[in-house]
Amino acid sequence: MITVSNVSLNFSGSDLFKDVDLKFTPGNCYGIIGANGAGKSTFLRILSGELDPTTGDVIIPEGERMSVLKQDHFAFDEYTVMDTVIMGNQKLYSIMKEKDELYAKPDFNDEDGIRVS
């Protein structure tokens, strides 16, 4: 469960958001909805740890992880939806690509089999 506690963000004396408290619980899907410039992407950057809030904390329990894809409408056009989602965890994506390349080798051998296991 990801917990947002008393998070505020202030730019040049103006609050973008203030005193946000929120819990993301397992098994649920969430959407962040708002007008352009309302702070949706900024809030996600705080959740991912890319940006520090002015006040408050984002707590991600030990053993949990967050995967993030940057907002770029054209960056993933050449990939399947599954690959695009997995790219949010770059280490996992690299391992899966290496595995696929090994399986595609015409001279796949025992050493390759051990590597992919």
PDB file of N, CA and C in Angstrom:
ATOM      1  N   MET A   1       0.844  -1.166   0.000  1.00  0.00           N
ATOM      2  CA  MET A   1       0.000   0.000   0.000  1.00  0.00           C
ATOM      3  C   MET A   1       0.897   1.241   0.000  1.00  0.00           C
ATOM      4  N   ILE A   2       0.625   2.148  -0.903  1.00  0.00           N
ATOM      5  CA  ILE A   2       1.346   3.419  -0.959  1.00  0.00           C
ATOM      6  C   ILE A   2       0.530   4.443  -0.179  1.00  0.00           C
ATOM      7  N   THR A   3       1.197   5.153   0.715  1.00  0.00           N
ATOM      8  CA  THR A   3       0.515   6.147   1.541  1.00  0.00           C
ATOM      9  C   THR A   3       1.092   7.530   1.264  1.00  0.00           C
ATOM     10  N   VAL A   4       0.217   8.476   1.026  1.00  0.00           N
ATOM     11  CA  VAL A   4       0.585   9.881   0.856  1.00  0.00           C
ATOM     12  C   VAL A   4       0.092  10.598   2.106  1.00  0.00           C
ATOM     13  N   SER A   5       1.006  11.248   2.811  1.00  0.00           N
ATOM     14  CA  SER A   5       0.658  11.852   4.093  1.00  0.00           C
ATOM     15  C   SER A   5       1.024  13.334   4.118  1.00  0.00           C
ATOM     16  N   ASN A   6       0.006  14.180   4.173  1.00  0.00           N
ATOM     17  CA  ASN A   6       0.188  15.623   4.345  1.00  0.00           C
ATOM     18  C   ASN A   6       1.080  16.250   3.266  1.00  0.00           C
ATOM     19  N   VAL A   7       0.959  15.783   2.026  1.00  0.00           N
ATOM     20  CA  VAL A   7       1.815  16.265   0.942  1.00  0.00           C
ATOM     21  C   VAL A   7       1.298  17.594   0.394  1.00  0.00           C
ATOM     22  N   SER A   8       2.211  18.534   0.306  1.00  0.00           N
ATOM     23  CA  SER A   8       1.924  19.841  -0.295  1.00  0.00           C
ATOM     24  C   SER A   8       3.049  20.171  -1.259  1.00  0.00           C
ATOM     25  N   LEU A   9       2.713  20.956  -2.274  1.00  0.00           N
ATOM     26  CA  LEU A   9       3.731  21.441  -3.194  1.00  0.00           C
ATOM     27  C   LEU A   9       3.454  22.908  -3.465  1.00  0.00           C
ATOM     28  N   ASN A  10       4.491  23.705  -3.274  1.00  0.00           N
ATOM     29  CA  ASN A  10       4.385  25.142  -3.402  1.00  0.00           C
ATOM     30  C   ASN A  10       5.383  25.610  -4.449  1.00  0.00           C
ATOM     31  N   PHE A  11       4.913  26.386  -5.426  1.00  0.00           N
ATOM     32  CA  PHE A  11       5.779  27.006  -6.424  1.00  0.00           C
ATOM     33  C   PHE A  11       5.680  28.515  -6.280  1.00  0.00           C
ATOM     34  N   SER A  12       6.779  29.164  -6.009  1.00  0.00           N
ATOM     35  CA  SER A  12       6.841  30.632  -5.941  1.00  0.00           C
ATOM     36  C   SER A  12       5.733  31.239  -5.088  1.00  0.00           C
ATOM     37  N   GLY A  13       5.490  30.640  -3.926  1.00  0.00           N
ATOM     38  CA  GLY A  13       4.499  31.191  -3.013  1.00  0.00           C
ATOM     39  C   GLY A  13       3.065  30.762  -3.267  1.00  0.00           C
ATOM     40  N   SER A  14       2.838  29.976  -4.314  1.00  0.00           N
ATOM     41  CA  SER A  14       1.483  29.495  -4.610  1.00  0.00           C
ATOM     42  C   SER A  14       1.420  27.983  -4.421  1.00  0.00           C
ATOM     43  N   ASP A  15       0.358  27.527  -3.774  1.00  0.00           N
ATOM     44  CA  ASP A  15       0.176  26.091  -3.568  1.00  0.00           C
ATOM     45  C   ASP A  15      -0.393  25.451  -4.826  1.00  0.00           C
ATOM     46  N   LEU A  16       0.293  24.427  -5.334  1.00  0.00           N
ATOM     47  CA  LEU A  16      -0.263  23.632  -6.424  1.00  0.00           C
ATOM     48  C   LEU A  16      -1.261  22.640  -5.835  1.00  0.00           C
ATOM     49  N   PHE A  17      -0.883  22.029  -4.707  1.00  0.00           N
ATOM     50  CA  PHE A  17      -1.810  21.262  -3.879  1.00  0.00           C
ATOM     51  C   PHE A  17      -1.314  21.312  -2.452  1.00  0.00           C
ATOM     52  N   LYS A  18      -2.238  21.082  -1.514  1.00  0.00           N
ATOM     53  CA  LYS A  18      -1.898  21.281  -0.108  1.00  0.00           C
ATOM     54  C   LYS A  18      -2.540  20.201   0.757  1.00  0.00           C
ATOM     55  N   ASP A  19      -1.745  19.657   1.684  1.00  0.00           N
ATOM     56  CA  ASP A  19      -2.216  18.714   2.705  1.00  0.00           C
ATOM     57  C   ASP A  19      -2.945  17.502   2.115  1.00  0.00           C
ATOM     58  N   VAL A  20      -2.348  16.891   1.097  1.00  0.00           N
ATOM     59  CA  VAL A  20      -2.962  15.719   0.458  1.00  0.00           C
ATOM     60  C   VAL A  20      -2.677  14.479   1.298  1.00  0.00           C
ATOM     61  N   ASP A  21      -3.740  13.760   1.653  1.00  0.00           N
ATOM     62  CA  ASP A  21      -3.650  12.475   2.350  1.00  0.00           C
ATOM     63  C   ASP A  21      -4.372  11.450   1.489  1.00  0.00           C
ATOM     64  N   LEU A  22      -3.699  10.323   1.224  1.00  0.00           N
ATOM     65  CA  LEU A  22      -4.258   9.341   0.306  1.00  0.00           C
ATOM     66  C   LEU A  22      -3.616   7.994   0.550  1.00  0.00           C
ATOM     67  N   LYS A  23      -4.394   6.918   0.414  1.00  0.00           N
ATOM     68  CA  LYS A  23      -3.846   5.562   0.492  1.00  0.00           C
ATOM     69  C   LYS A  23      -4.251   4.805  -0.757  1.00  0.00           C
ATOM     70  N   PHE A  24      -3.253   4.246  -1.438  1.00  0.00           N
ATOM     71  CA  PHE A  24      -3.493   3.377  -2.582  1.00  0.00           C
ATOM     72  C   PHE A  24      -3.449   1.946  -2.054  1.00  0.00           C
ATOM     73  N   THR A  25      -4.573   1.266  -2.064  1.00  0.00           N
ATOM     74  CA  THR A  25      -4.646  -0.076  -1.483  1.00  0.00           C
ATOM     75  C   THR A  25      -4.551  -1.144  -2.563  1.00  0.00           C
ATOM     76  N   PRO A  26      -3.987  -2.300  -2.224  1.00  0.00           N
ATOM     77  CA  PRO A  26      -3.821  -3.384  -3.194  1.00  0.00           C
ATOM     78  C   PRO A  26      -5.162  -3.838  -3.767  1.00  0.00           C
ATOM     79  N   GLY A  27      -5.129  -4.208  -5.043  1.00  0.00           N
ATOM     80  CA  GLY A  27      -6.308  -4.744  -5.694  1.00  0.00           C
ATOM     81  C   GLY A  27      -7.214  -3.700  -6.314  1.00  0.00           C
ATOM     82  N   ASN A  28      -6.892  -2.444  -6.141  1.00  0.00           N
ATOM     83  CA  ASN A  28      -7.707  -1.369  -6.715  1.00  0.00           C
ATOM     84  C   ASN A  28      -6.970  -0.698  -7.862  1.00  0.00           C
ATOM     85  N   CYS A  29      -7.717  -0.090  -8.763  1.00  0.00           N
ATOM     86  CA  CYS A  29      -7.154   0.721  -9.841  1.00  0.00           C
ATOM     87  C   CYS A  29      -7.524   2.171  -9.566  1.00  0.00           C
ATOM     88  N   TYR A  30      -6.608   3.063  -9.867  1.00  0.00           N
ATOM     89  CA  TYR A  30      -6.827   4.475  -9.580  1.00  0.00           C
ATOM     90  C   TYR A  30      -6.578   5.301 -10.828  1.00  0.00           C
ATOM     91  N   GLY A  31      -7.285   6.397 -10.945  1.00  0.00           N
ATOM     92  CA  GLY A  31      -7.069   7.363 -12.009  1.00  0.00           C
ATOM     93  C   GLY A  31      -6.907   8.739 -11.399  1.00  0.00           C
ATOM     94  N   ILE A  32      -6.061   9.537 -12.008  1.00  0.00           N
ATOM     95  CA  ILE A  32      -5.891  10.919 -11.564  1.00  0.00           C
ATOM     96  C   ILE A  32      -6.467  11.795 -12.670  1.00  0.00           C
ATOM     97  N   ILE A  33      -7.505  12.522 -12.330  1.00  0.00           N
ATOM     98  CA  ILE A  33      -8.264  13.285 -13.315  1.00  0.00           C
ATOM     99  C   ILE A  33      -8.241  14.757 -12.926  1.00  0.00           C
ATOM    100  N   GLY A  34      -8.035  15.617 -13.912  1.00  0.00           N
ATOM    101  CA  GLY A  34      -8.072  17.050 -13.651  1.00  0.00           C
ATOM    102  C   GLY A  34      -7.764  17.830 -14.911  1.00  0.00           C
ATOM    103  N   ALA A  35      -7.993  19.108 -14.855  1.00  0.00           N
ATOM    104  CA  ALA A  35      -7.744  19.996 -15.991  1.00  0.00           C
ATOM    105  C   ALA A  35      -6.246  20.089 -16.274  1.00  0.00           C
ATOM    106  N   ASN A  36      -5.913  20.510 -17.487  1.00  0.00           N
ATOM    107  CA  ASN A  36      -4.513  20.757 -17.821  1.00  0.00           C
ATOM    108  C   ASN A  36      -3.950  21.782 -16.843  1.00  0.00           C
ATOM    109  N   GLY A  37      -2.759  21.496 -16.336  1.00  0.00           N
ATOM    110  CA  GLY A  37      -2.112  22.412 -15.405  1.00  0.00           C
ATOM    111  C   GLY A  37      -2.542  22.259 -13.960  1.00  0.00           C
ATOM    112  N   ALA A  38      -3.403  21.279 -13.691  1.00  0.00           N
ATOM    113  CA  ALA A  38      -3.898  21.096 -12.321  1.00  0.00           C
ATOM    114  C   ALA A  38      -2.877  20.426 -11.409  1.00  0.00           C
ATOM    115  N   GLY A  39      -1.845  19.799 -11.991  1.00  0.00           N
ATOM    116  CA  GLY A  39      -0.804  19.177 -11.179  1.00  0.00           C
ATOM    117  C   GLY A  39      -0.800  17.661 -11.195  1.00  0.00           C
ATOM    118  N   LYS A  40      -1.512  17.035 -12.134  1.00  0.00           N
ATOM    119  CA  LYS A  40      -1.574  15.566 -12.196  1.00  0.00           C
ATOM    120  C   LYS A  40      -0.190  14.952 -12.400  1.00  0.00           C
ATOM    121  N   SER A  41       0.506  15.393 -13.428  1.00  0.00           N
ATOM    122  CA  SER A  41       1.840  14.846 -13.713  1.00  0.00           C
ATOM    123  C   SER A  41       2.819  15.175 -12.595  1.00  0.00           C
ATOM    124  N   THR A  42       2.702  16.350 -12.026  1.00  0.00           N
ATOM    125  CA  THR A  42       3.567  16.743 -10.912  1.00  0.00           C
ATOM    126  C   THR A  42       3.325  15.844  -9.710  1.00  0.00           C
ATOM    127  N   PHE A  43       2.057  15.544  -9.425  1.00  0.00           N
ATOM    128  CA  PHE A  43       1.731  14.645  -8.317  1.00  0.00           C
ATOM    129  C   PHE A  43       2.328  13.256  -8.560  1.00  0.00           C
ATOM    130  N   LEU A  44       2.244  12.762  -9.791  1.00  0.00           N
ATOM    131  CA  LEU A  44       2.834  11.455 -10.111  1.00  0.00           C
ATOM    132  C   LEU A  44       4.353  11.491  -9.958  1.00  0.00           C
ATOM    133  N   ARG A  45       4.975  12.610 -10.294  1.00  0.00           N
ATOM    134  CA  ARG A  45       6.424  12.738 -10.105  1.00  0.00           C
ATOM    135  C   ARG A  45       6.784  12.689  -8.623  1.00  0.00           C
ATOM    136  N   ILE A  46       5.932  13.235  -7.770  1.00  0.00           N
ATOM    137  CA  ILE A  46       6.155  13.141  -6.322  1.00  0.00           C
ATOM    138  C   ILE A  46       5.988  11.695  -5.871  1.00  0.00           C
ATOM    139  N   LEU A  47       4.938  11.019  -6.343  1.00  0.00           N
ATOM    140  CA  LEU A  47       4.730   9.610  -5.969  1.00  0.00           C
ATOM    141  C   LEU A  47       5.924   8.741  -6.338  1.00  0.00           C
ATOM    142  N   SER A  48       6.508   8.997  -7.511  1.00  0.00           N
ATOM    143  CA  SER A  48       7.617   8.167  -7.982  1.00  0.00           C
ATOM    144  C   SER A  48       8.951   8.529  -7.342  1.00  0.00           C
ATOM    145  N   GLY A  49       8.993   9.634  -6.598  1.00  0.00           N
ATOM    146  CA  GLY A  49      10.240  10.058  -5.968  1.00  0.00           C
ATOM    147  C   GLY A  49      11.095  10.935  -6.857  1.00  0.00           C
ATOM    148  N   GLU A  50      10.601  11.257  -8.041  1.00  0.00           N
ATOM    149  CA  GLU A  50      11.341  12.107  -8.967  1.00  0.00           C
ATOM    150  C   GLU A  50      11.362  13.567  -8.503  1.00  0.00           C
ATOM    151  N   LEU A  51      10.350  13.949  -7.734  1.00  0.00           N
ATOM    152  CA  LEU A  51      10.228  15.317  -7.230  1.00  0.00           C
ATOM    153  C   LEU A  51       9.876  15.254  -5.749  1.00  0.00           C
ATOM    154  N   ASP A  52      10.531  16.085  -4.947  1.00  0.00           N
ATOM    155  CA  ASP A  52      10.238  16.125  -3.510  1.00  0.00           C
ATOM    156  C   ASP A  52       9.116  17.122  -3.236  1.00  0.00           C
ATOM    157  N   PRO A  53       8.168  16.748  -2.370  1.00  0.00           N
ATOM    158  CA  PRO A  53       7.117  17.696  -2.002  1.00  0.00           C
ATOM    159  C   PRO A  53       7.679  18.786  -1.095  1.00  0.00           C
ATOM    160  N   THR A  54       6.980  19.904  -1.024  1.00  0.00           N
ATOM    161  CA  THR A  54       7.359  20.970  -0.099  1.00  0.00           C
ATOM    162  C   THR A  54       7.202  20.479   1.333  1.00  0.00           C
ATOM    163  N   THR A  55       6.095  19.783   1.604  1.00  0.00           N
ATOM    164  CA  THR A  55       5.873  19.164   2.913  1.00  0.00           C
ATOM    165  C   THR A  55       5.269  17.782   2.698  1.00  0.00           C
ATOM    166  N   GLY A  56       5.350  16.963   3.725  1.00  0.00           N
ATOM    167  CA  GLY A  56       4.705  15.657   3.705  1.00  0.00           C
ATOM    168  C   GLY A  56       5.604  14.539   3.218  1.00  0.00           C
ATOM    169  N   ASP A  57       5.013  13.351   3.180  1.00  0.00           N
ATOM    170  CA  ASP A  57       5.768  12.145   2.840  1.00  0.00           C
ATOM    171  C   ASP A  57       4.967  11.233   1.928  1.00  0.00           C
ATOM    172  N   VAL A  58       5.701  10.501   1.093  1.00  0.00           N
ATOM    173  CA  VAL A  58       5.144   9.385   0.333  1.00  0.00           C
ATOM    174  C   VAL A  58       5.825   8.142   0.874  1.00  0.00           C
ATOM    175  N   ILE A  59       5.030   7.199   1.345  1.00  0.00           N
ATOM    176  CA  ILE A  59       5.572   6.003   1.980  1.00  0.00           C
ATOM    177  C   ILE A  59       5.254   4.793   1.115  1.00  0.00           C
ATOM    178  N   ILE A  60       6.316   4.141   0.648  1.00  0.00           N
ATOM    179  CA  ILE A  60       6.184   2.897  -0.106  1.00  0.00           C
ATOM    180  C   ILE A  60       6.833   1.819   0.747  1.00  0.00           C
ATOM    181  N   PRO A  61       6.053   0.828   1.191  1.00  0.00           N
ATOM    182  CA  PRO A  61       6.589  -0.190   2.098  1.00  0.00           C
ATOM    183  C   PRO A  61       7.783  -0.937   1.502  1.00  0.00           C
ATOM    184  N   GLU A  62       8.665  -1.361   2.389  1.00  0.00           N
ATOM    185  CA  GLU A  62       9.815  -2.157   1.976  1.00  0.00           C
ATOM    186  C   GLU A  62       9.312  -3.400   1.252  1.00  0.00           C
ATOM    187  N   GLY A  63       9.964  -3.735   0.161  1.00  0.00           N
ATOM    188  CA  GLY A  63       9.557  -4.890  -0.626  1.00  0.00           C
ATOM    189  C   GLY A  63       8.568  -4.544  -1.726  1.00  0.00           C
ATOM    190  N   GLU A  64       8.006  -3.349  -1.680  1.00  0.00           N
ATOM    191  CA  GLU A  64       7.108  -2.880  -2.738  1.00  0.00           C
ATOM    192  C   GLU A  64       7.925  -2.027  -3.698  1.00  0.00           C
ATOM    193  N   ARG A  65       7.435  -1.878  -4.920  1.00  0.00           N
ATOM    194  CA  ARG A  65       8.139  -1.031  -5.879  1.00  0.00           C
ATOM    195  C   ARG A  65       7.125  -0.289  -6.731  1.00  0.00           C
ATOM    196  N   MET A  66       7.591   0.768  -7.322  1.00  0.00           N
ATOM    197  CA  MET A  66       6.767   1.532  -8.246  1.00  0.00           C
ATOM    198  C   MET A  66       7.498   1.578  -9.574  1.00  0.00           C
ATOM    199  N   SER A  67       6.781   1.332 -10.654  1.00  0.00           N
ATOM    200  CA  SER A  67       7.351   1.418 -11.992  1.00  0.00           C
ATOM    201  C   SER A  67       6.739   2.617 -12.693  1.00  0.00           C
ATOM    202  N   VAL A  68       7.558   3.289 -13.501  1.00  0.00           N
ATOM    203  CA  VAL A  68       7.122   4.542 -14.111  1.00  0.00           C
ATOM    204  C   VAL A  68       7.511   4.568 -15.581  1.00  0.00           C
ATOM    205  N   LEU A  69       6.579   4.989 -16.414  1.00  0.00           N
ATOM    206  CA  LEU A  69       6.866   5.306 -17.809  1.00  0.00           C
ATOM    207  C   LEU A  69       6.711   6.806 -17.977  1.00  0.00           C
ATOM    208  N   LYS A  70       7.654   7.419 -18.660  1.00  0.00           N
ATOM    209  CA  LYS A  70       7.575   8.859 -18.893  1.00  0.00           C
ATOM    210  C   LYS A  70       6.415   9.171 -19.840  1.00  0.00           C
ATOM    211  N   GLN A  71       5.864  10.353 -19.694  1.00  0.00           N
ATOM    212  CA  GLN A  71       4.756  10.790 -20.534  1.00  0.00           C
ATOM    213  C   GLN A  71       5.317  11.255 -21.873  1.00  0.00           C
ATOM    214  N   ASP A  72       5.193  10.408 -22.892  1.00  0.00           N
ATOM    215  CA  ASP A  72       5.673  10.718 -24.236  1.00  0.00           C
ATOM    216  C   ASP A  72       4.783   9.959 -25.212  1.00  0.00           C
ATOM    217  N   HIS A  73       3.956  10.679 -25.932  1.00  0.00           N
ATOM    218  CA  HIS A  73       2.937  10.057 -26.773  1.00  0.00           C
ATOM    219  C   HIS A  73       3.501   9.186 -27.890  1.00  0.00           C
ATOM    220  N   PHE A  74       4.724   9.417 -28.323  1.00  0.00           N
ATOM    221  CA  PHE A  74       5.259   8.697 -29.469  1.00  0.00           C
ATOM    222  C   PHE A  74       6.394   7.741 -29.121  1.00  0.00           C
ATOM    223  N   ALA A  75       6.862   7.745 -27.899  1.00  0.00           N
ATOM    224  CA  ALA A  75       8.040   6.957 -27.524  1.00  0.00           C
ATOM    225  C   ALA A  75       7.812   5.452 -27.631  1.00  0.00           C
ATOM    226  N   PHE A  76       6.564   5.000 -27.568  1.00  0.00           N
ATOM    227  CA  PHE A  76       6.301   3.569 -27.488  1.00  0.00           C
ATOM    228  C   PHE A  76       5.486   3.050 -28.666  1.00  0.00           C
ATOM    229  N   ASP A  77       5.391   3.827 -29.737  1.00  0.00           N
ATOM    230  CA  ASP A  77       4.587   3.430 -30.896  1.00  0.00           C
ATOM    231  C   ASP A  77       4.997   2.084 -31.481  1.00  0.00           C
ATOM    232  N   GLU A  78       6.276   1.767 -31.436  1.00  0.00           N
ATOM    233  CA  GLU A  78       6.767   0.545 -32.079  1.00  0.00           C
ATOM    234  C   GLU A  78       6.688  -0.687 -31.176  1.00  0.00           C
ATOM    235  N   TYR A  79       6.188  -0.545 -29.963  1.00  0.00           N
ATOM    236  CA  TYR A  79       6.162  -1.650 -29.002  1.00  0.00           C
ATOM    237  C   TYR A  79       4.741  -2.144 -28.764  1.00  0.00           C
ATOM    238  N   THR A  80       4.644  -3.402 -28.349  1.00  0.00           N
ATOM    239  CA  THR A  80       3.351  -3.934 -27.947  1.00  0.00           C
ATOM    240  C   THR A  80       2.944  -3.290 -26.621  1.00  0.00           C
ATOM    241  N   VAL A  81       1.669  -3.401 -26.295  1.00  0.00           N
ATOM    242  CA  VAL A  81       1.191  -2.867 -25.020  1.00  0.00           C
ATOM    243  C   VAL A  81       1.913  -3.558 -23.867  1.00  0.00           C
ATOM    244  N   MET A  82       2.083  -4.887 -23.961  1.00  0.00           N
ATOM    245  CA  MET A  82       2.755  -5.642 -22.900  1.00  0.00           C
ATOM    246  C   MET A  82       4.186  -5.143 -22.705  1.00  0.00           C
ATOM    247  N   ASP A  83       4.936  -4.977 -23.799  1.00  0.00           N
ATOM    248  CA  ASP A  83       6.307  -4.475 -23.686  1.00  0.00           C
ATOM    249  C   ASP A  83       6.325  -3.076 -23.074  1.00  0.00           C
ATOM    250  N   THR A  84       5.401  -2.235 -23.480  1.00  0.00           N
ATOM    251  CA  THR A  84       5.349  -0.869 -22.961  1.00  0.00           C
ATOM    252  C   THR A  84       5.119  -0.862 -21.456  1.00  0.00           C
ATOM    253  N   VAL A  85       4.207  -1.693 -20.985  1.00  0.00           N
ATOM    254  CA  VAL A  85       3.941  -1.763 -19.545  1.00  0.00           C
ATOM    255  C   VAL A  85       5.172  -2.272 -18.804  1.00  0.00           C
ATOM    256  N   ILE A  86       5.801  -3.321 -19.317  1.00  0.00           N
ATOM    257  CA  ILE A  86       6.974  -3.903 -18.651  1.00  0.00           C
ATOM    258  C   ILE A  86       8.149  -2.927 -18.657  1.00  0.00           C
ATOM    259  N   MET A  87       8.218  -2.038 -19.633  1.00  0.00           N
ATOM    260  CA  MET A  87       9.291  -1.040 -19.668  1.00  0.00           C
ATOM    261  C   MET A  87       9.263  -0.125 -18.448  1.00  0.00           C
ATOM    262  N   GLY A  88       8.148  -0.085 -17.748  1.00  0.00           N
ATOM    263  CA  GLY A  88       8.091   0.678 -16.504  1.00  0.00           C
ATOM    264  C   GLY A  88       9.059   0.147 -15.467  1.00  0.00           C
ATOM    265  N   ASN A  89       9.466  -1.113 -15.616  1.00  0.00           N
ATOM    266  CA  ASN A  89      10.491  -1.725 -14.768  1.00  0.00           C
ATOM    267  C   ASN A  89      11.643  -2.085 -15.705  1.00  0.00           C
ATOM    268  N   GLN A  90      12.559  -1.153 -15.895  1.00  0.00           N
ATOM    269  CA  GLN A  90      13.604  -1.286 -16.914  1.00  0.00           C
ATOM    270  C   GLN A  90      14.454  -2.537 -16.731  1.00  0.00           C
ATOM    271  N   LYS A  91      14.747  -2.910 -15.492  1.00  0.00           N
ATOM    272  CA  LYS A  91      15.562  -4.105 -15.244  1.00  0.00           C
ATOM    273  C   LYS A  91      14.835  -5.356 -15.744  1.00  0.00           C
ATOM    274  N   LEU A  92      13.553  -5.477 -15.428  1.00  0.00           N
ATOM    275  CA  LEU A  92      12.770  -6.621 -15.888  1.00  0.00           C
ATOM    276  C   LEU A  92      12.690  -6.644 -17.405  1.00  0.00           C
ATOM    277  N   TYR A  93      12.481  -5.486 -18.024  1.00  0.00           N
ATOM    278  CA  TYR A  93      12.385  -5.422 -19.478  1.00  0.00           C
ATOM    279  C   TYR A  93      13.693  -5.883 -20.127  1.00  0.00           C
ATOM    280  N   SER A  94      14.829  -5.443 -19.601  1.00  0.00           N
ATOM    281  CA  SER A  94      16.130  -5.851 -20.152  1.00  0.00           C
ATOM    282  C   SER A  94      16.328  -7.356 -20.049  1.00  0.00           C
ATOM    283  N   ILE A  95      15.944  -7.928 -18.927  1.00  0.00           N
ATOM    284  CA  ILE A  95      16.075  -9.379 -18.735  1.00  0.00           C
ATOM    285  C   ILE A  95      15.186 -10.123 -19.723  1.00  0.00           C
ATOM    286  N   MET A  96      13.961  -9.659 -19.907  1.00  0.00           N
ATOM    287  CA  MET A  96      13.042 -10.328 -20.828  1.00  0.00           C
ATOM    288  C   MET A  96      13.529 -10.234 -22.269  1.00  0.00           C
ATOM    289  N   LYS A  97      14.079  -9.089 -22.659  1.00  0.00           N
ATOM    290  CA  LYS A  97      14.613  -8.942 -24.019  1.00  0.00           C
ATOM    291  C   LYS A  97      15.798  -9.874 -24.231  1.00  0.00           C
ATOM    292  N   GLU A  98      16.681  -9.983 -23.230  1.00  0.00           N
ATOM    293  CA  GLU A  98      17.825 -10.893 -23.340  1.00  0.00           C
ATOM    294  C   GLU A  98      17.345 -12.330 -23.484  1.00  0.00           C
ATOM    295  N   LYS A  99      16.340 -12.708 -22.699  1.00  0.00           N
ATOM    296  CA  LYS A  99      15.781 -14.065 -22.772  1.00  0.00           C
ATOM    297  C   LYS A  99      15.215 -14.332 -24.168  1.00  0.00           C
ATOM    298  N   ASP A 100      14.459 -13.384 -24.700  1.00  0.00           N
ATOM    299  CA  ASP A 100      13.877 -13.545 -26.037  1.00  0.00           C
ATOM    300  C   ASP A 100      14.961 -13.689 -27.099  1.00  0.00           C
ATOM    301  N   GLU A 101      16.033 -12.897 -26.971  1.00  0.00           N
ATOM    302  CA  GLU A 101      17.141 -12.982 -27.929  1.00  0.00           C
ATOM    303  C   GLU A 101      17.831 -14.338 -27.851  1.00  0.00           C
ATOM    304  N   LEU A 102      18.013 -14.858 -26.640  1.00  0.00           N
ATOM    305  CA  LEU A 102      18.635 -16.175 -26.492  1.00  0.00           C
ATOM    306  C   LEU A 102      17.764 -17.267 -27.102  1.00  0.00           C
ATOM    307  N   TYR A 103      16.460 -17.234 -26.839  1.00  0.00           N
ATOM    308  CA  TYR A 103      15.553 -18.241 -27.401  1.00  0.00           C
ATOM    309  C   TYR A 103      15.505 -18.175 -28.927  1.00  0.00           C
ATOM    310  N   ALA A 104      15.738 -17.000 -29.492  1.00  0.00           N
ATOM    311  CA  ALA A 104      15.674 -16.829 -30.943  1.00  0.00           C
ATOM    312  C   ALA A 104      16.950 -17.283 -31.653  1.00  0.00           C
ATOM    313  N   LYS A 105      17.997 -17.587 -30.902  1.00  0.00           N
ATOM    314  CA  LYS A 105      19.261 -18.008 -31.516  1.00  0.00           C
ATOM    315  C   LYS A 105      19.080 -19.337 -32.246  1.00  0.00           C
ATOM    316  N   PRO A 106      19.549 -19.422 -33.481  1.00  0.00           N
ATOM    317  CA  PRO A 106      19.448 -20.700 -34.200  1.00  0.00           C
ATOM    318  C   PRO A 106      20.353 -21.775 -33.588  1.00  0.00           C
ATOM    319  N   ASP A 107      21.403 -21.346 -32.896  1.00  0.00           N
ATOM    320  CA  ASP A 107      22.343 -22.303 -32.292  1.00  0.00           C
ATOM    321  C   ASP A 107      22.208 -22.311 -30.760  1.00  0.00           C
ATOM    322  N   PHE A 108      20.973 -22.216 -30.271  1.00  0.00           N
ATOM    323  CA  PHE A 108      20.683 -22.249 -28.831  1.00  0.00           C
ATOM    324  C   PHE A 108      21.331 -23.489 -28.225  1.00  0.00           C
ATOM    325  N   ASN A 109      22.114 -23.308 -27.151  1.00  0.00           N
ATOM    326  CA  ASN A 109      22.841 -24.438 -26.566  1.00  0.00           C
ATOM    327  C   ASN A 109      22.539 -24.562 -25.068  1.00  0.00           C
ATOM    328  N   ASP A 110      23.184 -25.539 -24.426  1.00  0.00           N
ATOM    329  CA  ASP A 110      22.950 -25.775 -22.999  1.00  0.00           C
ATOM    330  C   ASP A 110      23.283 -24.548 -22.148  1.00  0.00           C
ATOM    331  N   GLU A 111      24.363 -23.870 -22.488  1.00  0.00           N
ATOM    332  CA  GLU A 111      24.752 -22.673 -21.738  1.00  0.00           C
ATOM    333  C   GLU A 111      23.661 -21.597 -21.833  1.00  0.00           C
ATOM    334  N   ASP A 112      23.087 -21.436 -23.028  1.00  0.00           N
ATOM    335  CA  ASP A 112      21.984 -20.489 -23.200  1.00  0.00           C
ATOM    336  C   ASP A 112      20.787 -20.908 -22.352  1.00  0.00           C
ATOM    337  N   GLY A 113      20.507 -22.205 -22.321  1.00  0.00           N
ATOM    338  CA  GLY A 113      19.397 -22.727 -21.526  1.00  0.00           C
ATOM    339  C   GLY A 113      19.570 -22.438 -20.052  1.00  0.00           C
ATOM    340  N   ILE A 114      20.791 -22.584 -19.567  1.00  0.00           N
ATOM    341  CA  ILE A 114      21.082 -22.280 -18.159  1.00  0.00           C
ATOM    342  C   ILE A 114      20.910 -20.784 -17.912  1.00  0.00           C
ATOM    343  N   ARG A 115      21.345 -19.968 -18.854  1.00  0.00           N
ATOM    344  CA  ARG A 115      21.252 -18.506 -18.704  1.00  0.00           C
ATOM    345  C   ARG A 115      19.795 -18.043 -18.585  1.00  0.00           C
ATOM    346  N   VAL A 116      18.898 -18.644 -19.359  1.00  0.00           N
ATOM    347  CA  VAL A 116      17.504 -18.187 -19.335  1.00  0.00           C
ATOM    348  C   VAL A 116      16.696 -18.793 -18.197  1.00  0.00           C
ATOM    349  N   SER A 117      17.263 -19.788 -17.506  1.00  0.00           N
ATOM    350  CA  SER A 117      16.490 -20.428 -16.429  1.00  0.00           C
ATOM    351  C   SER A 117      16.541 -19.642 -15.133  1.00  0.00           C
TER     352      SER A 117
END
